[in-house]
Amino acid sequence: MFTLNIAQGEPVIRATETFEGKMVWLPAALLCTLAFPFGWIGVFPPAIWLSLVAIENAQGWKRAAAFVLAAVLMLVVNSGQIPGNAHIALLPPYSDPEGNLIYASLRPAKAVIALALVVFMLLRPQPLKRADLPVMAGVIALPIVAGALLLGTDFKFTATIAVAALINLLVVCIAEEGFFRWVLQRGLGQLVGKRKWLATGIVAALFTTLHTAWAASPLMLGLVGLAALGYALLWQLRESFWACVLAHWGVNLLHMTMLPYNG
């Protein structure tokens, strides 16, 4: 998925050569097979893959159009309007008298987005760098410490939570960071040029807004906003997709296991 070698250096998006021939069409053909297990939801991964390829291959207005197309495809498949997007429960949910509720379930829409992104990132590797680590640690620590101070701690861990955390890493975080960072913030950053702080603020606000249905209170929404700003700043400073994925997962993992969690 990503290299475990951690090197010192500035952020860089590697593999600048264009996609050609089999590099374009073989992954697209393989992703077409997702239509068999996922139905209509599985029709979208090849289109998402091709839009990601178009971003790398195109220039000017065509590149901007490819960013828009990738974002629209991800939004459509995740909208809940495509048949076959019901949650697939892998284990009974975890609940307790304190009101915690954690589901170990898989949502097909985010799963197919994540699969398309993983295939893409295998051909566009972004190794973690030592300079990423302290920024990641700060991004993880800030909302967790704030949550512990404002909500209190609630330590818990079961098989359901372990499976939920694994799904969160392999599906939720990859899909969400692919949309918010690799497509949206990266595209807006290129649009605004040197004013990347503008793209950072817009994407952090959008991330928070799209999580309003999940946040159970204004306090929780504020903590989501704090985390969202951290992820966006991490991208602005380091431009590392996998650093953003792992920081996002670190926050979610510690939230599940150390803080109150209402599902």
C-alpha atoms as a PDB file:
ATOM      1  CA  MET A   1       0.000   0.000   0.000  1.00  0.00           C
ATOM      2  CA  PHE A   2       2.860   2.383   0.870  1.00  0.00           C
ATOM      3  CA  THR A   3       6.538   2.008   1.536  1.00  0.00           C
ATOM      4  CA  LEU A   4       7.664   1.428   5.107  1.00  0.00           C
ATOM      5  CA  ASN A   5      10.994   3.103   4.395  1.00  0.00           C
ATOM      6  CA  ILE A   6      11.017   6.534   6.025  1.00  0.00           C
ATOM      7  CA  ALA A   7      13.431   9.022   4.489  1.00  0.00           C
ATOM      8  CA  GLN A   8      14.344  12.599   5.307  1.00  0.00           C
ATOM      9  CA  GLY A   9      13.332  15.250   2.794  1.00  0.00           C
ATOM     10  CA  GLU A  10      10.795  17.688   1.475  1.00  0.00           C
ATOM     11  CA  PRO A  11       7.323  16.565   0.379  1.00  0.00           C
ATOM     12  CA  VAL A  12       7.215  15.449  -3.246  1.00  0.00           C
ATOM     13  CA  ILE A  13       4.660  13.661  -5.404  1.00  0.00           C
ATOM     14  CA  ARG A  14       6.679  11.047  -7.205  1.00  0.00           C
ATOM     15  CA  ALA A  15       6.379   9.393 -10.620  1.00  0.00           C
ATOM     16  CA  THR A  16       5.902  12.339 -12.933  1.00  0.00           C
ATOM     17  CA  GLU A  17       5.756  10.280 -16.122  1.00  0.00           C
ATOM     18  CA  THR A  18       2.369  10.042 -17.781  1.00  0.00           C
ATOM     19  CA  PHE A  19       0.190   6.948 -17.692  1.00  0.00           C
ATOM     20  CA  GLU A  20       0.259   5.115 -21.018  1.00  0.00           C
ATOM     21  CA  GLY A  21      -1.053   1.945 -22.632  1.00  0.00           C
ATOM     22  CA  LYS A  22      -1.433  -0.950 -20.218  1.00  0.00           C
ATOM     23  CA  MET A  23      -0.830   1.353 -17.238  1.00  0.00           C
ATOM     24  CA  VAL A  24      -4.159   2.996 -18.096  1.00  0.00           C
ATOM     25  CA  TRP A  25      -6.379   0.220 -19.368  1.00  0.00           C
ATOM     26  CA  LEU A  26      -5.285  -2.891 -17.438  1.00  0.00           C
ATOM     27  CA  PRO A  27      -6.136  -1.431 -13.999  1.00  0.00           C
ATOM     28  CA  ALA A  28      -9.395  -0.089 -15.438  1.00  0.00           C
ATOM     29  CA  ALA A  29     -10.278  -3.557 -16.743  1.00  0.00           C
ATOM     30  CA  LEU A  30      -9.447  -5.173 -13.398  1.00  0.00           C
ATOM     31  CA  LEU A  31     -11.575  -2.625 -11.541  1.00  0.00           C
ATOM     32  CA  CYS A  32     -14.494  -3.460 -13.850  1.00  0.00           C
ATOM     33  CA  THR A  33     -14.724  -6.829 -12.085  1.00  0.00           C
ATOM     34  CA  LEU A  34     -15.989  -5.019  -8.958  1.00  0.00           C
ATOM     35  CA  ALA A  35     -19.366  -4.806 -10.681  1.00  0.00           C
ATOM     36  CA  PHE A  36     -19.851  -8.513  -9.906  1.00  0.00           C
ATOM     37  CA  PRO A  37     -19.707  -8.323  -6.084  1.00  0.00           C
ATOM     38  CA  PHE A  38     -20.940  -4.728  -5.747  1.00  0.00           C
ATOM     39  CA  GLY A  39     -23.479  -4.331  -8.569  1.00  0.00           C
ATOM     40  CA  TRP A  40     -24.136  -0.747  -9.705  1.00  0.00           C
ATOM     41  CA  ILE A  41     -21.733   0.613  -7.086  1.00  0.00           C
ATOM     42  CA  GLY A  42     -18.989  -1.443  -8.740  1.00  0.00           C
ATOM     43  CA  VAL A  43     -19.474   0.350 -12.062  1.00  0.00           C
ATOM     44  CA  PHE A  44     -17.820   3.502 -10.696  1.00  0.00           C
ATOM     45  CA  PRO A  45     -14.232   2.407  -9.791  1.00  0.00           C
ATOM     46  CA  PRO A  46     -12.982   2.224 -13.422  1.00  0.00           C
ATOM     47  CA  ALA A  47     -14.388   5.704 -14.081  1.00  0.00           C
ATOM     48  CA  ILE A  48     -12.777   7.040 -10.878  1.00  0.00           C
ATOM     49  CA  TRP A  49      -9.476   5.434 -11.884  1.00  0.00           C
ATOM     50  CA  LEU A  50      -9.597   7.017 -15.352  1.00  0.00           C
ATOM     51  CA  SER A  51     -10.400  10.433 -13.873  1.00  0.00           C
ATOM     52  CA  LEU A  52      -7.385  10.132 -11.538  1.00  0.00           C
ATOM     53  CA  VAL A  53      -5.211   9.175 -14.503  1.00  0.00           C
ATOM     54  CA  ALA A  54      -6.576  12.139 -16.462  1.00  0.00           C
ATOM     55  CA  ILE A  55      -5.499  14.496 -13.666  1.00  0.00           C
ATOM     56  CA  GLU A  56      -1.901  13.278 -14.021  1.00  0.00           C
ATOM     57  CA  ASN A  57      -1.867  13.237 -17.828  1.00  0.00           C
ATOM     58  CA  ALA A  58      -3.699  16.485 -18.628  1.00  0.00           C
ATOM     59  CA  GLN A  59      -2.730  20.136 -18.464  1.00  0.00           C
ATOM     60  CA  GLY A  60      -4.607  23.443 -18.268  1.00  0.00           C
ATOM     61  CA  TRP A  61      -8.383  23.386 -18.387  1.00  0.00           C
ATOM     62  CA  LYS A  62      -8.417  19.653 -19.135  1.00  0.00           C
ATOM     63  CA  ARG A  63      -6.580  18.987 -15.874  1.00  0.00           C
ATOM     64  CA  ALA A  64      -9.037  21.214 -13.994  1.00  0.00           C
ATOM     65  CA  ALA A  65     -11.934  19.337 -15.628  1.00  0.00           C
ATOM     66  CA  ALA A  66     -10.380  16.020 -14.538  1.00  0.00           C
ATOM     67  CA  PHE A  67     -10.217  17.222 -10.915  1.00  0.00           C
ATOM     68  CA  VAL A  68     -13.900  18.210 -11.109  1.00  0.00           C
ATOM     69  CA  LEU A  69     -14.866  14.892 -12.727  1.00  0.00           C
ATOM     70  CA  ALA A  70     -13.045  12.837 -10.066  1.00  0.00           C
ATOM     71  CA  ALA A  71     -14.720  14.822  -7.279  1.00  0.00           C
ATOM     72  CA  VAL A  72     -18.177  14.475  -8.849  1.00  0.00           C
ATOM     73  CA  LEU A  73     -17.786  10.716  -9.384  1.00  0.00           C
ATOM     74  CA  MET A  74     -16.768  10.205  -5.757  1.00  0.00           C
ATOM     75  CA  LEU A  75     -19.644  12.342  -4.508  1.00  0.00           C
ATOM     76  CA  VAL A  76     -22.183  10.530  -6.691  1.00  0.00           C
ATOM     77  CA  VAL A  77     -21.086   7.032  -5.682  1.00  0.00           C
ATOM     78  CA  ASN A  78     -21.087   8.088  -2.014  1.00  0.00           C
ATOM     79  CA  SER A  79     -24.416   9.940  -2.199  1.00  0.00           C
ATOM     80  CA  GLY A  80     -26.562   6.974  -1.195  1.00  0.00           C
ATOM     81  CA  GLN A  81     -28.580   7.258  -4.414  1.00  0.00           C
ATOM     82  CA  ILE A  82     -26.864   4.346  -6.191  1.00  0.00           C
ATOM     83  CA  PRO A  83     -28.479   0.934  -5.530  1.00  0.00           C
ATOM     84  CA  GLY A  84     -26.505  -1.538  -3.419  1.00  0.00           C
ATOM     85  CA  ASN A  85     -24.971   0.846  -0.903  1.00  0.00           C
ATOM     86  CA  ALA A  86     -26.471  -0.631   2.276  1.00  0.00           C
ATOM     87  CA  HIS A  87     -24.035  -1.214   5.133  1.00  0.00           C
ATOM     88  CA  ILE A  88     -22.657  -4.765   5.345  1.00  0.00           C
ATOM     89  CA  ALA A  89     -22.343  -5.750   9.015  1.00  0.00           C
ATOM     90  CA  LEU A  90     -19.312  -7.948   9.702  1.00  0.00           C
ATOM     91  CA  LEU A  91     -19.851  -8.322  13.462  1.00  0.00           C
ATOM     92  CA  PRO A  92     -22.590  -7.333  15.920  1.00  0.00           C
ATOM     93  CA  PRO A  93     -22.175  -3.708  17.021  1.00  0.00           C
ATOM     94  CA  TYR A  94     -20.427  -2.826  20.258  1.00  0.00           C
ATOM     95  CA  SER A  95     -22.579  -1.005  22.814  1.00  0.00           C
ATOM     96  CA  ASP A  96     -22.325  -0.379  26.544  1.00  0.00           C
ATOM     97  CA  PRO A  97     -24.247   1.335  29.370  1.00  0.00           C
ATOM     98  CA  GLU A  98     -22.232   4.546  28.863  1.00  0.00           C
ATOM     99  CA  GLY A  99     -23.912   5.053  25.471  1.00  0.00           C
ATOM    100  CA  ASN A 100     -21.002   4.050  23.249  1.00  0.00           C
ATOM    101  CA  LEU A 101     -22.032   2.497  19.941  1.00  0.00           C
ATOM    102  CA  ILE A 102     -19.492   1.245  17.382  1.00  0.00           C
ATOM    103  CA  TYR A 103     -20.380  -0.597  14.175  1.00  0.00           C
ATOM    104  CA  ALA A 104     -18.071  -3.051  12.410  1.00  0.00           C
ATOM    105  CA  SER A 105     -19.704  -2.568   9.021  1.00  0.00           C
ATOM    106  CA  LEU A 106     -18.551  -2.002   5.471  1.00  0.00           C
ATOM    107  CA  ARG A 107     -20.135   0.581   3.179  1.00  0.00           C
ATOM    108  CA  PRO A 108     -19.718  -0.524  -0.480  1.00  0.00           C
ATOM    109  CA  ALA A 109     -19.474   3.046  -1.844  1.00  0.00           C
ATOM    110  CA  LYS A 110     -16.438   3.945   0.237  1.00  0.00           C
ATOM    111  CA  ALA A 111     -14.946   0.488  -0.328  1.00  0.00           C
ATOM    112  CA  VAL A 112     -14.890   0.861  -4.128  1.00  0.00           C
ATOM    113  CA  ILE A 113     -13.516   4.412  -3.910  1.00  0.00           C
ATOM    114  CA  ALA A 114     -10.758   3.159  -1.612  1.00  0.00           C
ATOM    115  CA  LEU A 115      -9.932   0.277  -3.975  1.00  0.00           C
ATOM    116  CA  ALA A 116      -9.602   2.610  -6.952  1.00  0.00           C
ATOM    117  CA  LEU A 117      -7.346   4.913  -4.932  1.00  0.00           C
ATOM    118  CA  VAL A 118      -5.130   2.089  -3.658  1.00  0.00           C
ATOM    119  CA  VAL A 119      -4.605   0.809  -7.213  1.00  0.00           C
ATOM    120  CA  PHE A 120      -3.725   4.349  -8.266  1.00  0.00           C
ATOM    121  CA  MET A 121      -1.334   4.914  -5.353  1.00  0.00           C
ATOM    122  CA  LEU A 122       0.508   1.680  -6.126  1.00  0.00           C
ATOM    123  CA  LEU A 123       1.589   3.396  -9.342  1.00  0.00           C
ATOM    124  CA  ARG A 124       2.092   6.808  -7.708  1.00  0.00           C
ATOM    125  CA  PRO A 125       3.995   5.852  -4.525  1.00  0.00           C
ATOM    126  CA  GLN A 126       4.405   8.463  -1.799  1.00  0.00           C
ATOM    127  CA  PRO A 127       6.785   7.234   0.886  1.00  0.00           C
ATOM    128  CA  LEU A 128       6.484   8.668   4.358  1.00  0.00           C
ATOM    129  CA  LYS A 129       9.287  10.984   5.413  1.00  0.00           C
ATOM    130  CA  ARG A 130      10.758  11.646   8.834  1.00  0.00           C
ATOM    131  CA  ALA A 131       9.658  15.254   8.582  1.00  0.00           C
ATOM    132  CA  ASP A 132       6.040  14.050   8.250  1.00  0.00           C
ATOM    133  CA  LEU A 133       6.027  12.337  11.637  1.00  0.00           C
ATOM    134  CA  PRO A 134       6.011  15.288  14.066  1.00  0.00           C
ATOM    135  CA  VAL A 135       3.324  17.047  12.020  1.00  0.00           C
ATOM    136  CA  MET A 136       1.240  13.843  12.001  1.00  0.00           C
ATOM    137  CA  ALA A 137       1.704  13.485  15.778  1.00  0.00           C
ATOM    138  CA  GLY A 138       0.469  17.022  16.357  1.00  0.00           C
ATOM    139  CA  VAL A 139      -2.533  16.535  14.085  1.00  0.00           C
ATOM    140  CA  ILE A 140      -3.494  13.366  15.977  1.00  0.00           C
ATOM    141  CA  ALA A 141      -2.832  14.714  19.471  1.00  0.00           C
ATOM    142  CA  LEU A 142      -4.700  18.023  19.251  1.00  0.00           C
ATOM    143  CA  PRO A 143      -8.305  16.765  18.809  1.00  0.00           C
ATOM    144  CA  ILE A 144      -7.730  13.749  21.064  1.00  0.00           C
ATOM    145  CA  VAL A 145      -6.349  15.819  23.938  1.00  0.00           C
ATOM    146  CA  ALA A 146      -9.108  18.404  23.446  1.00  0.00           C
ATOM    147  CA  GLY A 147     -11.698  15.607  23.385  1.00  0.00           C
ATOM    148  CA  ALA A 148     -10.306  14.047  26.565  1.00  0.00           C
ATOM    149  CA  LEU A 149     -10.432  17.406  28.363  1.00  0.00           C
ATOM    150  CA  LEU A 150     -13.937  18.295  27.158  1.00  0.00           C
ATOM    151  CA  LEU A 151     -15.618  14.860  27.053  1.00  0.00           C
ATOM    152  CA  GLY A 152     -13.575  12.772  29.465  1.00  0.00           C
ATOM    153  CA  THR A 153     -11.962   9.433  28.690  1.00  0.00           C
ATOM    154  CA  ASP A 154     -13.680   6.089  28.124  1.00  0.00           C
ATOM    155  CA  PHE A 155     -11.272   3.223  27.443  1.00  0.00           C
ATOM    156  CA  LYS A 156     -12.637   0.215  25.562  1.00  0.00           C
ATOM    157  CA  PHE A 157     -11.445  -2.477  23.142  1.00  0.00           C
ATOM    158  CA  THR A 158     -13.162  -5.578  21.759  1.00  0.00           C
ATOM    159  CA  ALA A 159     -13.054  -7.678  18.594  1.00  0.00           C
ATOM    160  CA  THR A 160     -15.793  -5.488  17.102  1.00  0.00           C
ATOM    161  CA  ILE A 161     -13.769  -2.344  17.787  1.00  0.00           C
ATOM    162  CA  ALA A 162     -10.657  -3.953  16.270  1.00  0.00           C
ATOM    163  CA  VAL A 163     -12.536  -4.846  13.059  1.00  0.00           C
ATOM    164  CA  ALA A 164     -14.166  -1.407  12.969  1.00  0.00           C
ATOM    165  CA  ALA A 165     -10.719   0.200  13.281  1.00  0.00           C
ATOM    166  CA  LEU A 166      -9.328  -1.946  10.452  1.00  0.00           C
ATOM    167  CA  ILE A 167     -12.255  -1.032   8.177  1.00  0.00           C
ATOM    168  CA  ASN A 168     -11.757   2.588   9.139  1.00  0.00           C
ATOM    169  CA  LEU A 169      -8.132   2.467   7.984  1.00  0.00           C
ATOM    170  CA  LEU A 170      -8.536   0.455   4.793  1.00  0.00           C
ATOM    171  CA  VAL A 171     -11.832   1.948   3.613  1.00  0.00           C
ATOM    172  CA  VAL A 172     -13.016   5.118   5.356  1.00  0.00           C
ATOM    173  CA  CYS A 173      -9.729   6.997   5.742  1.00  0.00           C
ATOM    174  CA  ILE A 174      -8.405   6.128   2.288  1.00  0.00           C
ATOM    175  CA  ALA A 175     -11.694   7.055   0.590  1.00  0.00           C
ATOM    176  CA  GLU A 176     -12.158  10.306   2.527  1.00  0.00           C
ATOM    177  CA  GLU A 177      -8.557  11.456   2.202  1.00  0.00           C
ATOM    178  CA  GLY A 178      -8.616  10.563  -1.490  1.00  0.00           C
ATOM    179  CA  PHE A 179     -11.577  12.887  -1.971  1.00  0.00           C
ATOM    180  CA  PHE A 180     -10.681  15.702   0.405  1.00  0.00           C
ATOM    181  CA  ARG A 181      -6.904  15.767  -0.036  1.00  0.00           C
ATOM    182  CA  TRP A 182      -5.788  14.149  -3.304  1.00  0.00           C
ATOM    183  CA  VAL A 183      -8.636  15.535  -5.378  1.00  0.00           C
ATOM    184  CA  LEU A 184     -10.303  18.499  -3.674  1.00  0.00           C
ATOM    185  CA  GLN A 185      -7.516  20.229  -1.729  1.00  0.00           C
ATOM    186  CA  ARG A 186      -4.883  19.405  -4.310  1.00  0.00           C
ATOM    187  CA  GLY A 187      -7.104  20.719  -7.115  1.00  0.00           C
ATOM    188  CA  LEU A 188      -8.099  23.877  -5.230  1.00  0.00           C
ATOM    189  CA  GLY A 189      -4.473  24.417  -4.231  1.00  0.00           C
ATOM    190  CA  GLN A 190      -3.438  24.468  -7.871  1.00  0.00           C
ATOM    191  CA  LEU A 191      -6.298  26.842  -8.655  1.00  0.00           C
ATOM    192  CA  VAL A 192      -5.414  29.417  -5.970  1.00  0.00           C
ATOM    193  CA  GLY A 193      -1.645  29.169  -6.485  1.00  0.00           C
ATOM    194  CA  LYS A 194       0.374  30.659  -3.632  1.00  0.00           C
ATOM    195  CA  ARG A 195      -2.745  31.243  -1.501  1.00  0.00           C
ATOM    196  CA  LYS A 196      -2.925  27.605  -0.429  1.00  0.00           C
ATOM    197  CA  TRP A 197      -4.247  28.629   2.989  1.00  0.00           C
ATOM    198  CA  LEU A 198      -7.488  29.454   1.149  1.00  0.00           C
ATOM    199  CA  ALA A 199      -7.831  25.888  -0.134  1.00  0.00           C
ATOM    200  CA  THR A 200      -6.943  24.621   3.350  1.00  0.00           C
ATOM    201  CA  GLY A 201      -9.746  26.614   4.975  1.00  0.00           C
ATOM    202  CA  ILE A 202     -12.349  25.712   2.337  1.00  0.00           C
ATOM    203  CA  VAL A 203     -11.648  21.982   2.483  1.00  0.00           C
ATOM    204  CA  ALA A 204     -11.546  21.933   6.308  1.00  0.00           C
ATOM    205  CA  ALA A 205     -14.930  23.703   6.393  1.00  0.00           C
ATOM    206  CA  LEU A 206     -16.392  21.305   3.821  1.00  0.00           C
ATOM    207  CA  PHE A 207     -15.104  18.255   5.725  1.00  0.00           C
ATOM    208  CA  THR A 208     -16.741  19.563   8.899  1.00  0.00           C
ATOM    209  CA  THR A 209     -20.009  20.362   7.118  1.00  0.00           C
ATOM    210  CA  LEU A 210     -20.255  16.896   5.587  1.00  0.00           C
ATOM    211  CA  HIS A 211     -19.840  15.361   9.065  1.00  0.00           C
ATOM    212  CA  THR A 212     -22.694  17.298  10.685  1.00  0.00           C
ATOM    213  CA  ALA A 213     -25.018  14.274  10.504  1.00  0.00           C
ATOM    214  CA  TRP A 214     -22.452  12.224  12.439  1.00  0.00           C
ATOM    215  CA  ALA A 215     -21.586  14.772  15.132  1.00  0.00           C
ATOM    216  CA  ALA A 216     -24.125  14.459  17.957  1.00  0.00           C
ATOM    217  CA  SER A 217     -23.635  17.927  19.475  1.00  0.00           C
ATOM    218  CA  PRO A 218     -22.076  21.335  18.769  1.00  0.00           C
ATOM    219  CA  LEU A 219     -19.147  20.262  20.962  1.00  0.00           C
ATOM    220  CA  MET A 220     -18.538  17.140  18.870  1.00  0.00           C
ATOM    221  CA  LEU A 221     -18.860  19.197  15.686  1.00  0.00           C
ATOM    222  CA  GLY A 222     -16.227  21.571  17.041  1.00  0.00           C
ATOM    223  CA  LEU A 223     -13.872  18.641  17.656  1.00  0.00           C
ATOM    224  CA  VAL A 224     -14.543  17.370  14.126  1.00  0.00           C
ATOM    225  CA  GLY A 225     -13.684  20.845  12.836  1.00  0.00           C
ATOM    226  CA  LEU A 226     -10.432  20.823  14.815  1.00  0.00           C
ATOM    227  CA  ALA A 227      -9.483  17.461  13.314  1.00  0.00           C
ATOM    228  CA  ALA A 228     -10.517  18.631   9.826  1.00  0.00           C
ATOM    229  CA  LEU A 229      -8.264  21.675  10.083  1.00  0.00           C
ATOM    230  CA  GLY A 230      -5.404  19.438  11.188  1.00  0.00           C
ATOM    231  CA  TYR A 231      -5.763  17.101   8.192  1.00  0.00           C
ATOM    232  CA  ALA A 232      -5.938  20.057   5.810  1.00  0.00           C
ATOM    233  CA  LEU A 233      -2.873  21.722   7.358  1.00  0.00           C
ATOM    234  CA  LEU A 234      -0.960  18.435   7.190  1.00  0.00           C
ATOM    235  CA  TRP A 235      -1.588  18.313   3.446  1.00  0.00           C
ATOM    236  CA  GLN A 236      -0.626  21.967   3.005  1.00  0.00           C
ATOM    237  CA  LEU A 237       2.645  21.448   4.889  1.00  0.00           C
ATOM    238  CA  ARG A 238       3.662  17.977   3.699  1.00  0.00           C
ATOM    239  CA  GLU A 239       1.569  17.050   0.616  1.00  0.00           C
ATOM    240  CA  SER A 240       1.718  13.374   1.592  1.00  0.00           C
ATOM    241  CA  PHE A 241      -1.397  11.311   0.933  1.00  0.00           C
ATOM    242  CA  TRP A 242      -0.407   8.457   3.239  1.00  0.00           C
ATOM    243  CA  ALA A 243       0.592  10.836   6.041  1.00  0.00           C
ATOM    244  CA  CYS A 244      -2.934  12.290   5.868  1.00  0.00           C
ATOM    245  CA  VAL A 245      -4.513   8.815   5.799  1.00  0.00           C
ATOM    246  CA  LEU A 246      -2.533   7.634   8.831  1.00  0.00           C
ATOM    247  CA  ALA A 247      -3.153  10.846  10.787  1.00  0.00           C
ATOM    248  CA  HIS A 248      -6.896  10.587  10.044  1.00  0.00           C
ATOM    249  CA  TRP A 249      -6.852   6.966  11.187  1.00  0.00           C
ATOM    250  CA  GLY A 250      -4.863   7.818  14.303  1.00  0.00           C
ATOM    251  CA  VAL A 251      -7.532  10.298  15.377  1.00  0.00           C
ATOM    252  CA  ASN A 252     -10.358   7.865  14.622  1.00  0.00           C
ATOM    253  CA  LEU A 253      -8.630   4.941  16.342  1.00  0.00           C
ATOM    254  CA  LEU A 254      -7.946   6.876  19.546  1.00  0.00           C
ATOM    255  CA  HIS A 255     -11.477   8.289  19.462  1.00  0.00           C
ATOM    256  CA  MET A 256     -12.924   4.767  19.279  1.00  0.00           C
ATOM    257  CA  THR A 257     -10.751   3.321  22.007  1.00  0.00           C
ATOM    258  CA  MET A 258     -10.176   6.238  24.424  1.00  0.00           C
ATOM    259  CA  LEU A 259     -13.103   8.698  24.153  1.00  0.00           C
ATOM    260  CA  PRO A 260     -16.908   8.489  24.272  1.00  0.00           C
ATOM    261  CA  TYR A 261     -18.168   7.281  20.881  1.00  0.00           C
ATOM    262  CA  ASN A 262     -21.821   7.503  19.900  1.00  0.00           C
ATOM    263  CA  GLY A 263     -21.570   5.769  16.513  1.00  0.00           C
END
